[in-house]
PDB file of N, CA and C in Angstrom:
ATOM      1  N   MET A   1     -31.561  -3.546 -47.569  1.00  0.00           N
ATOM      2  CA  MET A   1     -31.411  -3.031 -46.228  1.00  0.00           C
ATOM      3  C   MET A   1     -32.166  -3.943 -45.262  1.00  0.00           C
ATOM      4  N   LEU A   2     -31.602  -4.125 -44.090  1.00  0.00           N
ATOM      5  CA  LEU A   2     -32.238  -4.900 -43.023  1.00  0.00           C
ATOM      6  C   LEU A   2     -32.569  -3.948 -41.886  1.00  0.00           C
ATOM      7  N   TYR A   3     -33.806  -4.011 -41.421  1.00  0.00           N
ATOM      8  CA  TYR A   3     -34.274  -3.192 -40.301  1.00  0.00           C
ATOM      9  C   TYR A   3     -34.649  -4.102 -39.141  1.00  0.00           C
ATOM     10  N   ILE A   4     -34.710  -3.525 -37.941  1.00  0.00           N
ATOM     11  CA  ILE A   4     -35.370  -4.192 -36.828  1.00  0.00           C
ATOM     12  C   ILE A   4     -36.481  -3.256 -36.362  1.00  0.00           C
ATOM     13  N   LEU A   5     -37.687  -3.818 -36.263  1.00  0.00           N
ATOM     14  CA  LEU A   5     -38.886  -3.054 -35.927  1.00  0.00           C
ATOM     15  C   LEU A   5     -39.524  -3.609 -34.663  1.00  0.00           C
ATOM     16  N   ASN A   6     -40.232  -2.746 -33.932  1.00  0.00           N
ATOM     17  CA  ASN A   6     -40.885  -3.218 -32.719  1.00  0.00           C
ATOM     18  C   ASN A   6     -42.389  -3.425 -32.900  1.00  0.00           C
ATOM     19  N   THR A   7     -42.820  -3.521 -34.134  1.00  0.00           N
ATOM     20  CA  THR A   7     -44.202  -3.873 -34.426  1.00  0.00           C
ATOM     21  C   THR A   7     -44.294  -4.306 -35.888  1.00  0.00           C
ATOM     22  N   PRO A   8     -45.180  -5.235 -36.196  1.00  0.00           N
ATOM     23  CA  PRO A   8     -45.363  -5.581 -37.604  1.00  0.00           C
ATOM     24  C   PRO A   8     -46.163  -4.472 -38.293  1.00  0.00           C
ATOM     25  N   ILE A   9     -45.525  -3.770 -39.214  1.00  0.00           N
ATOM     26  CA  ILE A   9     -46.163  -2.650 -39.890  1.00  0.00           C
ATOM     27  C   ILE A   9     -45.717  -2.627 -41.349  1.00  0.00           C
ATOM     28  N   LEU A  10     -46.658  -2.346 -42.222  1.00  0.00           N
ATOM     29  CA  LEU A  10     -46.323  -2.160 -43.630  1.00  0.00           C
ATOM     30  C   LEU A  10     -46.000  -0.683 -43.802  1.00  0.00           C
ATOM     31  N   THR A  11     -44.788  -0.395 -44.238  1.00  0.00           N
ATOM     32  CA  THR A  11     -44.300   0.979 -44.257  1.00  0.00           C
ATOM     33  C   THR A  11     -44.647   1.737 -45.529  1.00  0.00           C
ATOM     34  N   ASP A  12     -45.162   1.050 -46.527  1.00  0.00           N
ATOM     35  CA  ASP A  12     -45.537   1.670 -47.794  1.00  0.00           C
ATOM     36  C   ASP A  12     -46.398   0.661 -48.550  1.00  0.00           C
ATOM     37  N   TYR A  13     -47.061   1.119 -49.589  1.00  0.00           N
ATOM     38  CA  TYR A  13     -47.835   0.202 -50.419  1.00  0.00           C
ATOM     39  C   TYR A  13     -46.892  -0.757 -51.128  1.00  0.00           C
ATOM     40  N   GLY A  14     -47.333  -1.987 -51.300  1.00  0.00           N
ATOM     41  CA  GLY A  14     -46.519  -2.980 -51.975  1.00  0.00           C
ATOM     42  C   GLY A  14     -46.970  -4.374 -51.595  1.00  0.00           C
ATOM     43  N   VAL A  15     -46.166  -5.344 -51.980  1.00  0.00           N
ATOM     44  CA  VAL A  15     -46.432  -6.742 -51.650  1.00  0.00           C
ATOM     45  C   VAL A  15     -45.334  -7.201 -50.705  1.00  0.00           C
ATOM     46  N   TYR A  16     -45.746  -7.804 -49.599  1.00  0.00           N
ATOM     47  CA  TYR A  16     -44.820  -8.230 -48.554  1.00  0.00           C
ATOM     48  C   TYR A  16     -45.035  -9.700 -48.227  1.00  0.00           C
ATOM     49  N   LYS A  17     -44.004 -10.305 -47.696  1.00  0.00           N
ATOM     50  CA  LYS A  17     -44.113 -11.650 -47.128  1.00  0.00           C
ATOM     51  C   LYS A  17     -43.704 -11.535 -45.667  1.00  0.00           C
ATOM     52  N   PHE A  18     -44.540 -12.082 -44.776  1.00  0.00           N
ATOM     53  CA  PHE A  18     -44.280 -12.001 -43.340  1.00  0.00           C
ATOM     54  C   PHE A  18     -44.400 -13.395 -42.744  1.00  0.00           C
ATOM     55  N   THR A  19     -43.308 -13.893 -42.174  1.00  0.00           N
ATOM     56  CA  THR A  19     -43.302 -15.229 -41.598  1.00  0.00           C
ATOM     57  C   THR A  19     -42.739 -15.190 -40.184  1.00  0.00           C
ATOM     58  N   LYS A  20     -43.176 -16.126 -39.385  1.00  0.00           N
ATOM     59  CA  LYS A  20     -42.670 -16.262 -38.026  1.00  0.00           C
ATOM     60  C   LYS A  20     -41.283 -16.902 -38.074  1.00  0.00           C
ATOM     61  N   ILE A  21     -40.369 -16.394 -37.218  1.00  0.00           N
ATOM     62  CA  ILE A  21     -39.025 -16.973 -37.106  1.00  0.00           C
ATOM     63  C   ILE A  21     -38.689 -17.139 -35.630  1.00  0.00           C
ATOM     64  N   SER A  22     -37.692 -17.948 -35.351  1.00  0.00           N
ATOM     65  CA  SER A  22     -37.254 -18.144 -33.973  1.00  0.00           C
ATOM     66  C   SER A  22     -36.384 -16.977 -33.524  1.00  0.00           C
ATOM     67  N   SER A  23     -36.232 -16.827 -32.224  1.00  0.00           N
ATOM     68  CA  SER A  23     -35.345 -15.778 -31.709  1.00  0.00           C
ATOM     69  C   SER A  23     -33.908 -16.051 -32.134  1.00  0.00           C
ATOM     70  N   GLN A  24     -33.522 -17.314 -32.265  1.00  0.00           N
ATOM     71  CA  GLN A  24     -32.172 -17.653 -32.715  1.00  0.00           C
ATOM     72  C   GLN A  24     -31.960 -17.215 -34.166  1.00  0.00           C
ATOM     73  N   THR A  25     -32.952 -17.413 -35.011  1.00  0.00           N
ATOM     74  CA  THR A  25     -32.854 -16.964 -36.401  1.00  0.00           C
ATOM     75  C   THR A  25     -32.759 -15.442 -36.455  1.00  0.00           C
ATOM     76  N   ALA A  26     -33.569 -14.762 -35.649  1.00  0.00           N
ATOM     77  CA  ALA A  26     -33.498 -13.295 -35.594  1.00  0.00           C
ATOM     78  C   ALA A  26     -32.100 -12.846 -35.184  1.00  0.00           C
ATOM     79  N   LYS A  27     -31.565 -13.468 -34.156  1.00  0.00           N
ATOM     80  CA  LYS A  27     -30.229 -13.147 -33.667  1.00  0.00           C
ATOM     81  C   LYS A  27     -29.179 -13.367 -34.760  1.00  0.00           C
ATOM     82  N   ASN A  28     -29.260 -14.503 -35.436  1.00  0.00           N
ATOM     83  CA  ASN A  28     -28.293 -14.816 -36.490  1.00  0.00           C
ATOM     84  C   ASN A  28     -28.349 -13.805 -37.635  1.00  0.00           C
ATOM     85  N   GLN A  29     -29.552 -13.432 -38.055  1.00  0.00           N
ATOM     86  CA  GLN A  29     -29.699 -12.457 -39.139  1.00  0.00           C
ATOM     87  C   GLN A  29     -29.096 -11.107 -38.756  1.00  0.00           C
ATOM     88  N   LEU A  30     -29.349 -10.672 -37.542  1.00  0.00           N
ATOM     89  CA  LEU A  30     -28.858  -9.369 -37.100  1.00  0.00           C
ATOM     90  C   LEU A  30     -27.347  -9.369 -36.882  1.00  0.00           C
ATOM     91  N   LYS A  31     -26.792 -10.525 -36.554  1.00  0.00           N
ATOM     92  CA  LYS A  31     -25.340 -10.603 -36.352  1.00  0.00           C
ATOM     93  C   LYS A  31     -24.583 -10.653 -37.674  1.00  0.00           C
ATOM     94  N   LYS A  32     -25.203 -11.198 -38.722  1.00  0.00           N
ATOM     95  CA  LYS A  32     -24.450 -11.370 -39.962  1.00  0.00           C
ATOM     96  C   LYS A  32     -24.654 -10.240 -40.967  1.00  0.00           C
ATOM     97  N   LYS A  33     -25.649  -9.379 -40.740  1.00  0.00           N
ATOM     98  CA  LYS A  33     -25.916  -8.285 -41.672  1.00  0.00           C
ATOM     99  C   LYS A  33     -25.933  -6.950 -40.914  1.00  0.00           C
ATOM    100  N   LYS A  34     -25.517  -5.908 -41.586  1.00  0.00           N
ATOM    101  CA  LYS A  34     -25.660  -4.570 -41.030  1.00  0.00           C
ATOM    102  C   LYS A  34     -27.148  -4.241 -41.013  1.00  0.00           C
ATOM    103  N   PHE A  35     -27.625  -3.618 -39.940  1.00  0.00           N
ATOM    104  CA  PHE A  35     -29.050  -3.313 -39.838  1.00  0.00           C
ATOM    105  C   PHE A  35     -29.273  -1.904 -39.299  1.00  0.00           C
ATOM    106  N   ILE A  36     -30.468  -1.416 -39.522  1.00  0.00           N
ATOM    107  CA  ILE A  36     -30.908  -0.139 -38.973  1.00  0.00           C
ATOM    108  C   ILE A  36     -32.008  -0.426 -37.972  1.00  0.00           C
ATOM    109  N   SER A  37     -31.846   0.091 -36.776  1.00  0.00           N
ATOM    110  CA  SER A  37     -32.871  -0.058 -35.752  1.00  0.00           C
ATOM    111  C   SER A  37     -33.929   1.031 -35.938  1.00  0.00           C
ATOM    112  N   ALA A  38     -35.186   0.622 -35.888  1.00  0.00           N
ATOM    113  CA  ALA A  38     -36.309   1.556 -35.838  1.00  0.00           C
ATOM    114  C   ALA A  38     -37.127   1.230 -34.594  1.00  0.00           C
ATOM    115  N   ILE A  39     -36.416   0.885 -33.520  1.00  0.00           N
ATOM    116  CA  ILE A  39     -37.050   0.577 -32.234  1.00  0.00           C
ATOM    117  C   ILE A  39     -37.298   1.901 -31.522  1.00  0.00           C
ATOM    118  N   GLY A  40     -38.553   2.280 -31.439  1.00  0.00           N
ATOM    119  CA  GLY A  40     -38.924   3.606 -30.960  1.00  0.00           C
ATOM    120  C   GLY A  40     -39.192   3.727 -29.480  1.00  0.00           C
ATOM    121  N   HIS A  41     -38.916   2.684 -28.722  1.00  0.00           N
ATOM    122  CA  HIS A  41     -39.094   2.741 -27.264  1.00  0.00           C
ATOM    123  C   HIS A  41     -37.787   2.308 -26.619  1.00  0.00           C
ATOM    124  N   GLU A  42     -37.269   3.149 -25.755  1.00  0.00           N
ATOM    125  CA  GLU A  42     -35.978   2.875 -25.138  1.00  0.00           C
ATOM    126  C   GLU A  42     -35.980   1.580 -24.339  1.00  0.00           C
ATOM    127  N   ALA A  43     -37.051   1.333 -23.580  1.00  0.00           N
ATOM    128  CA  ALA A  43     -37.124   0.105 -22.781  1.00  0.00           C
ATOM    129  C   ALA A  43     -37.129  -1.126 -23.682  1.00  0.00           C
ATOM    130  N   THR A  44     -37.811  -1.047 -24.815  1.00  0.00           N
ATOM    131  CA  THR A  44     -37.843  -2.174 -25.757  1.00  0.00           C
ATOM    132  C   THR A  44     -36.460  -2.427 -26.339  1.00  0.00           C
ATOM    133  N   ALA A  45     -35.745  -1.367 -26.676  1.00  0.00           N
ATOM    134  CA  ALA A  45     -34.380  -1.528 -27.206  1.00  0.00           C
ATOM    135  C   ALA A  45     -33.482  -2.223 -26.188  1.00  0.00           C
ATOM    136  N   LYS A  46     -33.605  -1.856 -24.920  1.00  0.00           N
ATOM    137  CA  LYS A  46     -32.795  -2.490 -23.870  1.00  0.00           C
ATOM    138  C   LYS A  46     -33.162  -3.958 -23.704  1.00  0.00           C
ATOM    139  N   LEU A  47     -34.450  -4.261 -23.716  1.00  0.00           N
ATOM    140  CA  LEU A  47     -34.878  -5.657 -23.589  1.00  0.00           C
ATOM    141  C   LEU A  47     -34.427  -6.490 -24.779  1.00  0.00           C
ATOM    142  N   LEU A  48     -34.552  -5.937 -25.986  1.00  0.00           N
ATOM    143  CA  LEU A  48     -34.107  -6.679 -27.176  1.00  0.00           C
ATOM    144  C   LEU A  48     -32.595  -6.899 -27.167  1.00  0.00           C
ATOM    145  N   THR A  49     -31.860  -5.943 -26.641  1.00  0.00           N
ATOM    146  CA  THR A  49     -30.416  -6.110 -26.498  1.00  0.00           C
ATOM    147  C   THR A  49     -30.117  -7.321 -25.621  1.00  0.00           C
ATOM    148  N   SER A  50     -30.873  -7.490 -24.538  1.00  0.00           N
ATOM    149  CA  SER A  50     -30.689  -8.642 -23.649  1.00  0.00           C
ATOM    150  C   SER A  50     -31.130  -9.945 -24.302  1.00  0.00           C
ATOM    151  N   VAL A  51     -32.300  -9.930 -24.929  1.00  0.00           N
ATOM    152  CA  VAL A  51     -32.850 -11.141 -25.538  1.00  0.00           C
ATOM    153  C   VAL A  51     -31.981 -11.635 -26.696  1.00  0.00           C
ATOM    154  N   LEU A  52     -31.540 -10.704 -27.538  1.00  0.00           N
ATOM    155  CA  LEU A  52     -30.816 -11.076 -28.760  1.00  0.00           C
ATOM    156  C   LEU A  52     -29.300 -11.105 -28.593  1.00  0.00           C
ATOM    157  N   GLU A  53     -28.830 -10.619 -27.445  1.00  0.00           N
ATOM    158  CA  GLU A  53     -27.390 -10.595 -27.152  1.00  0.00           C
ATOM    159  C   GLU A  53     -26.610  -9.831 -28.216  1.00  0.00           C
ATOM    160  N   ILE A  54     -27.200  -8.745 -28.697  1.00  0.00           N
ATOM    161  CA  ILE A  54     -26.571  -7.839 -29.656  1.00  0.00           C
ATOM    162  C   ILE A  54     -27.127  -6.447 -29.355  1.00  0.00           C
ATOM    163  N   THR A  55     -26.318  -5.429 -29.494  1.00  0.00           N
ATOM    164  CA  THR A  55     -26.783  -4.080 -29.181  1.00  0.00           C
ATOM    165  C   THR A  55     -27.849  -3.638 -30.175  1.00  0.00           C
ATOM    166  N   ILE A  56     -29.029  -3.342 -29.644  1.00  0.00           N
ATOM    167  CA  ILE A  56     -30.139  -2.827 -30.439  1.00  0.00           C
ATOM    168  C   ILE A  56     -30.358  -1.383 -30.001  1.00  0.00           C
ATOM    169  N   PRO A  57     -29.960  -0.430 -30.836  1.00  0.00           N
ATOM    170  CA  PRO A  57     -30.086   0.973 -30.447  1.00  0.00           C
ATOM    171  C   PRO A  57     -31.534   1.449 -30.400  1.00  0.00           C
ATOM    172  N   PHE A  58     -31.815   2.348 -29.463  1.00  0.00           N
ATOM    173  CA  PHE A  58     -33.074   3.082 -29.430  1.00  0.00           C
ATOM    174  C   PHE A  58     -32.998   4.097 -30.568  1.00  0.00           C
ATOM    175  N   ASN A  59     -33.982   4.076 -31.456  1.00  0.00           N
ATOM    176  CA  ASN A  59     -33.941   4.954 -32.619  1.00  0.00           C
ATOM    177  C   ASN A  59     -35.366   5.205 -33.086  1.00  0.00           C
ATOM    178  N   ARG A  60     -35.946   6.265 -32.590  1.00  0.00           N
ATOM    179  CA  ARG A  60     -37.333   6.601 -32.945  1.00  0.00           C
ATOM    180  C   ARG A  60     -37.325   7.238 -34.334  1.00  0.00           C
ATOM    181  N   GLN A  61     -37.469   6.387 -35.347  1.00  0.00           N
ATOM    182  CA  GLN A  61     -37.370   6.831 -36.731  1.00  0.00           C
ATOM    183  C   GLN A  61     -38.401   6.111 -37.573  1.00  0.00           C
ATOM    184  N   ALA A  62     -39.039   6.832 -38.459  1.00  0.00           N
ATOM    185  CA  ALA A  62     -39.947   6.217 -39.423  1.00  0.00           C
ATOM    186  C   ALA A  62     -39.112   5.705 -40.593  1.00  0.00           C
ATOM    187  N   ILE A  63     -39.507   4.577 -41.128  1.00  0.00           N
ATOM    188  CA  ILE A  63     -38.802   4.019 -42.282  1.00  0.00           C
ATOM    189  C   ILE A  63     -39.798   3.750 -43.396  1.00  0.00           C
ATOM    190  N   ILE A  64     -39.292   3.654 -44.599  1.00  0.00           N
ATOM    191  CA  ILE A  64     -40.078   3.194 -45.748  1.00  0.00           C
ATOM    192  C   ILE A  64     -39.259   2.095 -46.399  1.00  0.00           C
ATOM    193  N   MET A  65     -39.830   0.902 -46.430  1.00  0.00           N
ATOM    194  CA  MET A  65     -39.129  -0.234 -47.014  1.00  0.00           C
ATOM    195  C   MET A  65     -39.247  -0.203 -48.530  1.00  0.00           C
ATOM    196  N   ASP A  66     -38.108  -0.375 -49.195  1.00  0.00           N
ATOM    197  CA  ASP A  66     -38.066  -0.493 -50.650  1.00  0.00           C
ATOM    198  C   ASP A  66     -38.169  -1.974 -51.025  1.00  0.00           C
ATOM    199  N   VAL A  67     -38.458  -2.240 -52.282  1.00  0.00           N
ATOM    200  CA  VAL A  67     -38.488  -3.619 -52.772  1.00  0.00           C
ATOM    201  C   VAL A  67     -37.139  -4.272 -52.468  1.00  0.00           C
ATOM    202  N   GLY A  68     -37.180  -5.452 -51.867  1.00  0.00           N
ATOM    203  CA  GLY A  68     -35.971  -6.182 -51.488  1.00  0.00           C
ATOM    204  C   GLY A  68     -35.539  -5.950 -50.046  1.00  0.00           C
ATOM    205  N   ASP A  69     -36.052  -4.892 -49.406  1.00  0.00           N
ATOM    206  CA  ASP A  69     -35.701  -4.642 -48.006  1.00  0.00           C
ATOM    207  C   ASP A  69     -36.314  -5.702 -47.108  1.00  0.00           C
ATOM    208  N   GLU A  70     -35.649  -5.937 -45.985  1.00  0.00           N
ATOM    209  CA  GLU A  70     -36.071  -6.954 -45.024  1.00  0.00           C
ATOM    210  C   GLU A  70     -36.163  -6.323 -43.639  1.00  0.00           C
ATOM    211  N   ALA A  71     -36.926  -6.958 -42.767  1.00  0.00           N
ATOM    212  CA  ALA A  71     -37.009  -6.498 -41.381  1.00  0.00           C
ATOM    213  C   ALA A  71     -37.182  -7.689 -40.450  1.00  0.00           C
ATOM    214  N   ILE A  72     -36.495  -7.607 -39.328  1.00  0.00           N
ATOM    215  CA  ILE A  72     -36.754  -8.501 -38.205  1.00  0.00           C
ATOM    216  C   ILE A  72     -37.770  -7.749 -37.343  1.00  0.00           C
ATOM    217  N   VAL A  73     -38.877  -8.398 -37.059  1.00  0.00           N
ATOM    218  CA  VAL A  73     -39.984  -7.740 -36.368  1.00  0.00           C
ATOM    219  C   VAL A  73     -40.193  -8.388 -35.000  1.00  0.00           C
ATOM    220  N   PHE A  74     -40.119  -7.572 -33.945  1.00  0.00           N
ATOM    221  CA  PHE A  74     -40.419  -8.003 -32.593  1.00  0.00           C
ATOM    222  C   PHE A  74     -41.911  -7.782 -32.374  1.00  0.00           C
ATOM    223  N   LYS A  75     -42.593  -8.801 -31.890  1.00  0.00           N
ATOM    224  CA  LYS A  75     -44.046  -8.717 -31.730  1.00  0.00           C
ATOM    225  C   LYS A  75     -44.449  -9.222 -30.350  1.00  0.00           C
ATOM    226  N   LEU A  76     -45.087  -8.350 -29.568  1.00  0.00           N
ATOM    227  CA  LEU A  76     -45.658  -8.778 -28.292  1.00  0.00           C
ATOM    228  C   LEU A  76     -46.901  -9.613 -28.574  1.00  0.00           C
ATOM    229  N   LEU A  77     -47.146 -10.621 -27.757  1.00  0.00           N
ATOM    230  CA  LEU A  77     -48.308 -11.485 -27.968  1.00  0.00           C
ATOM    231  C   LEU A  77     -49.581 -10.915 -27.371  1.00  0.00           C
ATOM    232  N   HIS A  78     -49.439  -9.902 -26.513  1.00  0.00           N
ATOM    233  CA  HIS A  78     -50.610  -9.243 -25.927  1.00  0.00           C
ATOM    234  C   HIS A  78     -50.390  -7.742 -25.949  1.00  0.00           C
ATOM    235  N   ARG A  79     -51.427  -7.014 -26.234  1.00  0.00           N
ATOM    236  CA  ARG A  79     -51.351  -5.551 -26.248  1.00  0.00           C
ATOM    237  C   ARG A  79     -51.252  -5.042 -24.815  1.00  0.00           C
ATOM    238  N   MET A  80     -50.360  -4.078 -24.626  1.00  0.00           N
ATOM    239  CA  MET A  80     -50.148  -3.516 -23.298  1.00  0.00           C
ATOM    240  C   MET A  80     -51.193  -2.441 -23.000  1.00  0.00           C
ATOM    241  N   PRO A  81     -51.596  -2.300 -21.731  1.00  0.00           N
ATOM    242  CA  PRO A  81     -52.498  -1.203 -21.366  1.00  0.00           C
ATOM    243  C   PRO A  81     -51.825   0.147 -21.615  1.00  0.00           C
ATOM    244  N   GLU A  82     -52.626   1.164 -21.834  1.00  0.00           N
ATOM    245  CA  GLU A  82     -52.129   2.526 -22.053  1.00  0.00           C
ATOM    246  C   GLU A  82     -51.141   2.928 -20.962  1.00  0.00           C
ATOM    247  N   GLY A  83     -49.971   3.370 -21.385  1.00  0.00           N
ATOM    248  CA  GLY A  83     -48.962   3.867 -20.442  1.00  0.00           C
ATOM    249  C   GLY A  83     -48.100   2.806 -19.786  1.00  0.00           C
ATOM    250  N   LYS A  84     -48.398   1.534 -19.975  1.00  0.00           N
ATOM    251  CA  LYS A  84     -47.620   0.460 -19.356  1.00  0.00           C
ATOM    252  C   LYS A  84     -46.327   0.255 -20.123  1.00  0.00           C
ATOM    253  N   VAL A  85     -45.221   0.216 -19.388  1.00  0.00           N
ATOM    254  CA  VAL A  85     -43.910  -0.010 -19.982  1.00  0.00           C
ATOM    255  C   VAL A  85     -43.337  -1.293 -19.388  1.00  0.00           C
ATOM    256  N   ILE A  86     -42.894  -2.188 -20.248  1.00  0.00           N
ATOM    257  CA  ILE A  86     -42.252  -3.419 -19.799  1.00  0.00           C
ATOM    258  C   ILE A  86     -40.817  -3.068 -19.437  1.00  0.00           C
ATOM    259  N   LYS A  87     -40.424  -3.367 -18.204  1.00  0.00           N
ATOM    260  CA  LYS A  87     -39.101  -2.959 -17.738  1.00  0.00           C
ATOM    261  C   LYS A  87     -38.147  -4.109 -17.480  1.00  0.00           C
ATOM    262  N   THR A  88     -38.661  -5.327 -17.368  1.00  0.00           N
ATOM    263  CA  THR A  88     -37.785  -6.449 -17.046  1.00  0.00           C
ATOM    264  C   THR A  88     -38.016  -7.608 -18.008  1.00  0.00           C
ATOM    265  N   LEU A  89     -37.002  -8.455 -18.103  1.00  0.00           N
ATOM    266  CA  LEU A  89     -37.149  -9.660 -18.933  1.00  0.00           C
ATOM    267  C   LEU A  89     -38.240 -10.570 -18.386  1.00  0.00           C
ATOM    268  N   GLU A  90     -38.402 -10.578 -17.064  1.00  0.00           N
ATOM    269  CA  GLU A  90     -39.442 -11.410 -16.455  1.00  0.00           C
ATOM    270  C   GLU A  90     -40.831 -10.952 -16.915  1.00  0.00           C
ATOM    271  N   GLU A  91     -41.060  -9.644 -16.953  1.00  0.00           N
ATOM    272  CA  GLU A  91     -42.341  -9.115 -17.438  1.00  0.00           C
ATOM    273  C   GLU A  91     -42.544  -9.474 -18.908  1.00  0.00           C
ATOM    274  N   LEU A  92     -41.487  -9.362 -19.688  1.00  0.00           N
ATOM    275  CA  LEU A  92     -41.559  -9.676 -21.111  1.00  0.00           C
ATOM    276  C   LEU A  92     -41.905 -11.145 -21.330  1.00  0.00           C
ATOM    277  N   GLU A  93     -41.271 -12.027 -20.572  1.00  0.00           N
ATOM    278  CA  GLU A  93     -41.554 -13.466 -20.687  1.00  0.00           C
ATOM    279  C   GLU A  93     -43.002 -13.769 -20.319  1.00  0.00           C
ATOM    280  N   LYS A  94     -43.522 -13.071 -19.313  1.00  0.00           N
ATOM    281  CA  LYS A  94     -44.899 -13.297 -18.862  1.00  0.00           C
ATOM    282  C   LYS A  94     -45.904 -12.886 -19.950  1.00  0.00           C
ATOM    283  N   ILE A  95     -45.651 -11.776 -20.603  1.00  0.00           N
ATOM    284  CA  ILE A  95     -46.535 -11.278 -21.656  1.00  0.00           C
ATOM    285  C   ILE A  95     -46.433 -12.161 -22.895  1.00  0.00           C
ATOM    286  N   GLY A  96     -45.227 -12.564 -23.209  1.00  0.00           N
ATOM    287  CA  GLY A  96     -44.974 -13.386 -24.382  1.00  0.00           C
ATOM    288  C   GLY A  96     -44.627 -12.534 -25.596  1.00  0.00           C
ATOM    289  N   TYR A  97     -43.760 -13.065 -26.428  1.00  0.00           N
ATOM    290  CA  TYR A  97     -43.330 -12.352 -27.626  1.00  0.00           C
ATOM    291  C   TYR A  97     -42.872 -13.370 -28.659  1.00  0.00           C
ATOM    292  N   GLU A  98     -42.739 -12.884 -29.875  1.00  0.00           N
ATOM    293  CA  GLU A  98     -42.194 -13.699 -30.951  1.00  0.00           C
ATOM    294  C   GLU A  98     -41.521 -12.771 -31.950  1.00  0.00           C
ATOM    295  N   PHE A  99     -40.830 -13.374 -32.899  1.00  0.00           N
ATOM    296  CA  PHE A  99     -40.164 -12.610 -33.942  1.00  0.00           C
ATOM    297  C   PHE A  99     -40.715 -13.015 -35.291  1.00  0.00           C
ATOM    298  N   GLY A 100     -40.717 -12.047 -36.200  1.00  0.00           N
ATOM    299  CA  GLY A 100     -41.130 -12.306 -37.566  1.00  0.00           C
ATOM    300  C   GLY A 100     -40.086 -11.779 -38.535  1.00  0.00           C
ATOM    301  N   TYR A 101     -40.170 -12.266 -39.750  1.00  0.00           N
ATOM    302  CA  TYR A 101     -39.306 -11.811 -40.835  1.00  0.00           C
ATOM    303  C   TYR A 101     -40.221 -11.215 -41.892  1.00  0.00           C
ATOM    304  N   LEU A 102     -40.001  -9.940 -42.189  1.00  0.00           N
ATOM    305  CA  LEU A 102     -40.809  -9.217 -43.164  1.00  0.00           C
ATOM    306  C   LEU A 102     -39.936  -8.843 -44.352  1.00  0.00           C
ATOM    307  N   LYS A 103     -40.415  -9.121 -45.553  1.00  0.00           N
ATOM    308  CA  LYS A 103     -39.673  -8.744 -46.760  1.00  0.00           C
ATOM    309  C   LYS A 103     -40.634  -8.107 -47.758  1.00  0.00           C
ATOM    310  N   ARG A 104     -40.199  -6.979 -48.291  1.00  0.00           N
ATOM    311  CA  ARG A 104     -40.998  -6.360 -49.350  1.00  0.00           C
ATOM    312  C   ARG A 104     -40.562  -6.968 -50.667  1.00  0.00           C
ATOM    313  N   ILE A 105     -41.506  -7.611 -51.344  1.00  0.00           N
ATOM    314  CA  ILE A 105     -41.157  -8.329 -52.573  1.00  0.00           C
ATOM    315  C   ILE A 105     -41.641  -7.628 -53.854  1.00  0.00           C
ATOM    316  N   LYS A 106     -42.482  -6.617 -53.710  1.00  0.00           N
ATOM    317  CA  LYS A 106     -42.960  -5.902 -54.890  1.00  0.00           C
ATOM    318  C   LYS A 106     -43.427  -4.523 -54.512  1.00  0.00           C
TER     319      LYS A 106
END
């Protein structure tokens, strides 16, 4: 299973590999495989839809990754103040972000 997450999080005990990937690689992975969104903030889902040019549904759901499961992880480079919501791509670019690839291997 492939997930998209809005934070790097280990969803269960196990062994994981987490590497940085480009936004183009994230986009390619999400376009070629069926995925489940676990993006729990509506504004983040809308921004990711714009950044990745693929519909990323808002889906406030907890997941547990099984061995072999993968995730594309959206990661902000700076922690937001309490209650602050990023509403525009310009704000997102100013804060900075990157993508990671997380795989549960054991």
